[in-house]
Amino acid sequence: MPDYCINLYLDEEQQKKIEELGLGDHIQEIEGKKAVQISMSRKDQKKLQKAFPGLEFDESNACVLPEEAQITLMDIILQTKSLDVMKFAITKLYNPLAGKEPRSKTF
């Protein structure tokens, strides 16, 4: 089991697309809903918590991303045809400069 994971809940259309990619064996039932779990490292988890300050992890170290981030993650899965996407996905989901004032050098 991974250190941390994202529970990506699927609607019927998304479930069908995951199955068409040959990833249907990764679909599981979580809290009565169909979902896939995306593994991530502790480092990725820390970045996501910075990107989404209200993000909560349950006792199994799983979280659910905000809707917009879930859509982005699903798009990446469909493009790469893989669930091993966090190395790439973190670059799309985490912007370390979000909300910070631009700094300029004074000469």
C-alpha atoms as a PDB file:
ATOM      1  CA  MET A   1       0.000   0.000   0.000  1.00  0.00           C
ATOM      2  CA  PRO A   2       1.304   3.476  -0.826  1.00  0.00           C
ATOM      3  CA  ASP A   3       2.196   6.026   1.818  1.00  0.00           C
ATOM      4  CA  TYR A   4      -0.635   8.314   0.667  1.00  0.00           C
ATOM      5  CA  CYS A   5      -3.268   8.237  -2.040  1.00  0.00           C
ATOM      6  CA  ILE A   6      -5.984  10.219  -3.712  1.00  0.00           C
ATOM      7  CA  ASN A   7      -9.436   8.675  -3.960  1.00  0.00           C
ATOM      8  CA  LEU A   8     -10.725   9.644  -7.376  1.00  0.00           C
ATOM      9  CA  TYR A   9     -14.462   8.918  -7.416  1.00  0.00           C
ATOM     10  CA  LEU A  10     -15.882   8.017 -10.811  1.00  0.00           C
ATOM     11  CA  ASP A  11     -19.212   8.679 -12.436  1.00  0.00           C
ATOM     12  CA  GLU A  12     -20.519   6.117 -14.960  1.00  0.00           C
ATOM     13  CA  GLU A  13     -18.863   7.823 -17.947  1.00  0.00           C
ATOM     14  CA  GLN A  14     -15.478   8.074 -16.210  1.00  0.00           C
ATOM     15  CA  GLN A  15     -15.723   4.453 -15.077  1.00  0.00           C
ATOM     16  CA  LYS A  16     -16.368   3.371 -18.661  1.00  0.00           C
ATOM     17  CA  LYS A  17     -13.346   5.374 -19.897  1.00  0.00           C
ATOM     18  CA  ILE A  18     -11.092   3.817 -17.224  1.00  0.00           C
ATOM     19  CA  GLU A  19     -12.304   0.354 -18.246  1.00  0.00           C
ATOM     20  CA  GLU A  20     -11.687   1.142 -21.942  1.00  0.00           C
ATOM     21  CA  LEU A  21      -8.075   2.014 -21.064  1.00  0.00           C
ATOM     22  CA  GLY A  22      -7.670  -1.465 -19.586  1.00  0.00           C
ATOM     23  CA  LEU A  23      -7.491  -0.111 -16.041  1.00  0.00           C
ATOM     24  CA  GLY A  24     -10.822  -1.518 -14.890  1.00  0.00           C
ATOM     25  CA  ASP A  25      -9.120  -3.914 -12.471  1.00  0.00           C
ATOM     26  CA  HIS A  26      -8.018  -0.852 -10.449  1.00  0.00           C
ATOM     27  CA  ILE A  27     -11.591   0.293  -9.837  1.00  0.00           C
ATOM     28  CA  GLN A  28     -12.726  -0.386  -6.307  1.00  0.00           C
ATOM     29  CA  GLU A  29     -15.660   0.503  -4.149  1.00  0.00           C
ATOM     30  CA  ILE A  30     -14.849   3.128  -1.521  1.00  0.00           C
ATOM     31  CA  GLU A  31     -17.585   4.432   0.759  1.00  0.00           C
ATOM     32  CA  GLY A  32     -20.186   2.903  -1.552  1.00  0.00           C
ATOM     33  CA  LYS A  33     -18.856   4.655  -4.676  1.00  0.00           C
ATOM     34  CA  LYS A  34     -16.692   3.465  -7.548  1.00  0.00           C
ATOM     35  CA  ALA A  35     -13.201   4.951  -7.393  1.00  0.00           C
ATOM     36  CA  VAL A  36      -9.558   4.502  -8.304  1.00  0.00           C
ATOM     37  CA  GLN A  37      -6.736   5.256  -5.916  1.00  0.00           C
ATOM     38  CA  ILE A  38      -3.775   7.273  -7.147  1.00  0.00           C
ATOM     39  CA  SER A  39      -0.616   6.587  -5.149  1.00  0.00           C
ATOM     40  CA  MET A  40       1.640   9.400  -4.045  1.00  0.00           C
ATOM     41  CA  SER A  41       4.676   9.970  -1.897  1.00  0.00           C
ATOM     42  CA  ARG A  42       4.941  11.948   1.336  1.00  0.00           C
ATOM     43  CA  LYS A  43       6.576  14.746  -0.662  1.00  0.00           C
ATOM     44  CA  ASP A  44       3.607  14.879  -3.068  1.00  0.00           C
ATOM     45  CA  GLN A  45       1.224  14.854  -0.099  1.00  0.00           C
ATOM     46  CA  LYS A  46       2.966  17.872   1.433  1.00  0.00           C
ATOM     47  CA  LYS A  47       2.763  19.757  -1.873  1.00  0.00           C
ATOM     48  CA  LEU A  48      -0.941  19.020  -2.211  1.00  0.00           C
ATOM     49  CA  GLN A  49      -1.576  20.257   1.327  1.00  0.00           C
ATOM     50  CA  LYS A  50       0.159  23.519   0.431  1.00  0.00           C
ATOM     51  CA  ALA A  51      -1.825  23.783  -2.803  1.00  0.00           C
ATOM     52  CA  PHE A  52      -5.135  22.966  -1.103  1.00  0.00           C
ATOM     53  CA  PRO A  53      -4.941  24.152   2.538  1.00  0.00           C
ATOM     54  CA  GLY A  54      -8.269  22.538   3.529  1.00  0.00           C
ATOM     55  CA  LEU A  55      -7.296  19.119   2.172  1.00  0.00           C
ATOM     56  CA  GLU A  56      -7.927  16.405   4.732  1.00  0.00           C
ATOM     57  CA  PHE A  57      -6.563  12.867   4.873  1.00  0.00           C
ATOM     58  CA  ASP A  58      -8.476  10.016   6.475  1.00  0.00           C
ATOM     59  CA  GLU A  59      -7.093   7.284   8.719  1.00  0.00           C
ATOM     60  CA  SER A  60      -5.889   5.339   5.665  1.00  0.00           C
ATOM     61  CA  ASN A  61      -3.930   8.428   4.437  1.00  0.00           C
ATOM     62  CA  ALA A  62      -6.330   8.999   1.536  1.00  0.00           C
ATOM     63  CA  CYS A  63      -7.811  12.302   0.416  1.00  0.00           C
ATOM     64  CA  VAL A  64     -10.299  13.645  -2.093  1.00  0.00           C
ATOM     65  CA  LEU A  65      -9.209  16.614  -4.182  1.00  0.00           C
ATOM     66  CA  PRO A  66     -11.433  19.619  -4.923  1.00  0.00           C
ATOM     67  CA  GLU A  67     -13.575  19.167  -8.040  1.00  0.00           C
ATOM     68  CA  GLU A  68     -11.399  21.215 -10.416  1.00  0.00           C
ATOM     69  CA  ALA A  69      -8.277  19.288  -9.383  1.00  0.00           C
ATOM     70  CA  GLN A  70     -10.131  15.989  -9.798  1.00  0.00           C
ATOM     71  CA  ILE A  71     -11.030  16.937 -13.368  1.00  0.00           C
ATOM     72  CA  THR A  72      -7.384  17.809 -14.087  1.00  0.00           C
ATOM     73  CA  LEU A  73      -6.208  14.511 -12.585  1.00  0.00           C
ATOM     74  CA  MET A  74      -8.775  12.524 -14.579  1.00  0.00           C
ATOM     75  CA  ASP A  75      -7.673  14.271 -17.802  1.00  0.00           C
ATOM     76  CA  ILE A  76      -4.053  13.343 -17.081  1.00  0.00           C
ATOM     77  CA  ILE A  77      -5.016   9.698 -16.479  1.00  0.00           C
ATOM     78  CA  LEU A  78      -6.929   9.588 -19.761  1.00  0.00           C
ATOM     79  CA  GLN A  79      -4.026  11.185 -21.655  1.00  0.00           C
ATOM     80  CA  THR A  80      -1.303   8.978 -20.188  1.00  0.00           C
ATOM     81  CA  LYS A  81      -3.477   5.836 -20.024  1.00  0.00           C
ATOM     82  CA  SER A  82      -1.999   5.085 -16.612  1.00  0.00           C
ATOM     83  CA  LEU A  83      -2.755   5.549 -12.912  1.00  0.00           C
ATOM     84  CA  ASP A  84       0.936   6.126 -12.157  1.00  0.00           C
ATOM     85  CA  VAL A  85       0.645   9.844 -12.871  1.00  0.00           C
ATOM     86  CA  MET A  86       1.660  11.766  -9.757  1.00  0.00           C
ATOM     87  CA  LYS A  87       5.124  12.771 -11.011  1.00  0.00           C
ATOM     88  CA  PHE A  88       3.428  14.620 -13.863  1.00  0.00           C
ATOM     89  CA  ALA A  89       0.156  15.509 -12.131  1.00  0.00           C
ATOM     90  CA  ILE A  90       1.839  17.290  -9.229  1.00  0.00           C
ATOM     91  CA  THR A  91       3.252  19.837 -11.683  1.00  0.00           C
ATOM     92  CA  LYS A  92      -0.289  20.628 -12.827  1.00  0.00           C
ATOM     93  CA  LEU A  93      -1.915  20.569  -9.390  1.00  0.00           C
ATOM     94  CA  TYR A  94       0.734  22.343  -7.315  1.00  0.00           C
ATOM     95  CA  ASN A  95       1.783  25.899  -8.057  1.00  0.00           C
ATOM     96  CA  PRO A  96       4.314  26.956  -5.411  1.00  0.00           C
ATOM     97  CA  LEU A  97       3.936  30.628  -6.330  1.00  0.00           C
ATOM     98  CA  ALA A  98       0.129  30.762  -6.131  1.00  0.00           C
ATOM     99  CA  GLY A  99      -1.030  33.660  -3.992  1.00  0.00           C
ATOM    100  CA  LYS A 100       2.430  35.152  -3.543  1.00  0.00           C
ATOM    101  CA  GLU A 101       3.335  38.681  -4.487  1.00  0.00           C
ATOM    102  CA  PRO A 102       5.884  38.980  -7.285  1.00  0.00           C
ATOM    103  CA  ARG A 103       9.234  40.121  -5.980  1.00  0.00           C
ATOM    104  CA  SER A 104      11.357  42.541  -7.886  1.00  0.00           C
ATOM    105  CA  LYS A 105      14.943  43.455  -7.397  1.00  0.00           C
ATOM    106  CA  THR A 106      15.709  47.042  -6.609  1.00  0.00           C
ATOM    107  CA  PHE A 107      18.888  48.450  -7.974  1.00  0.00           C
END
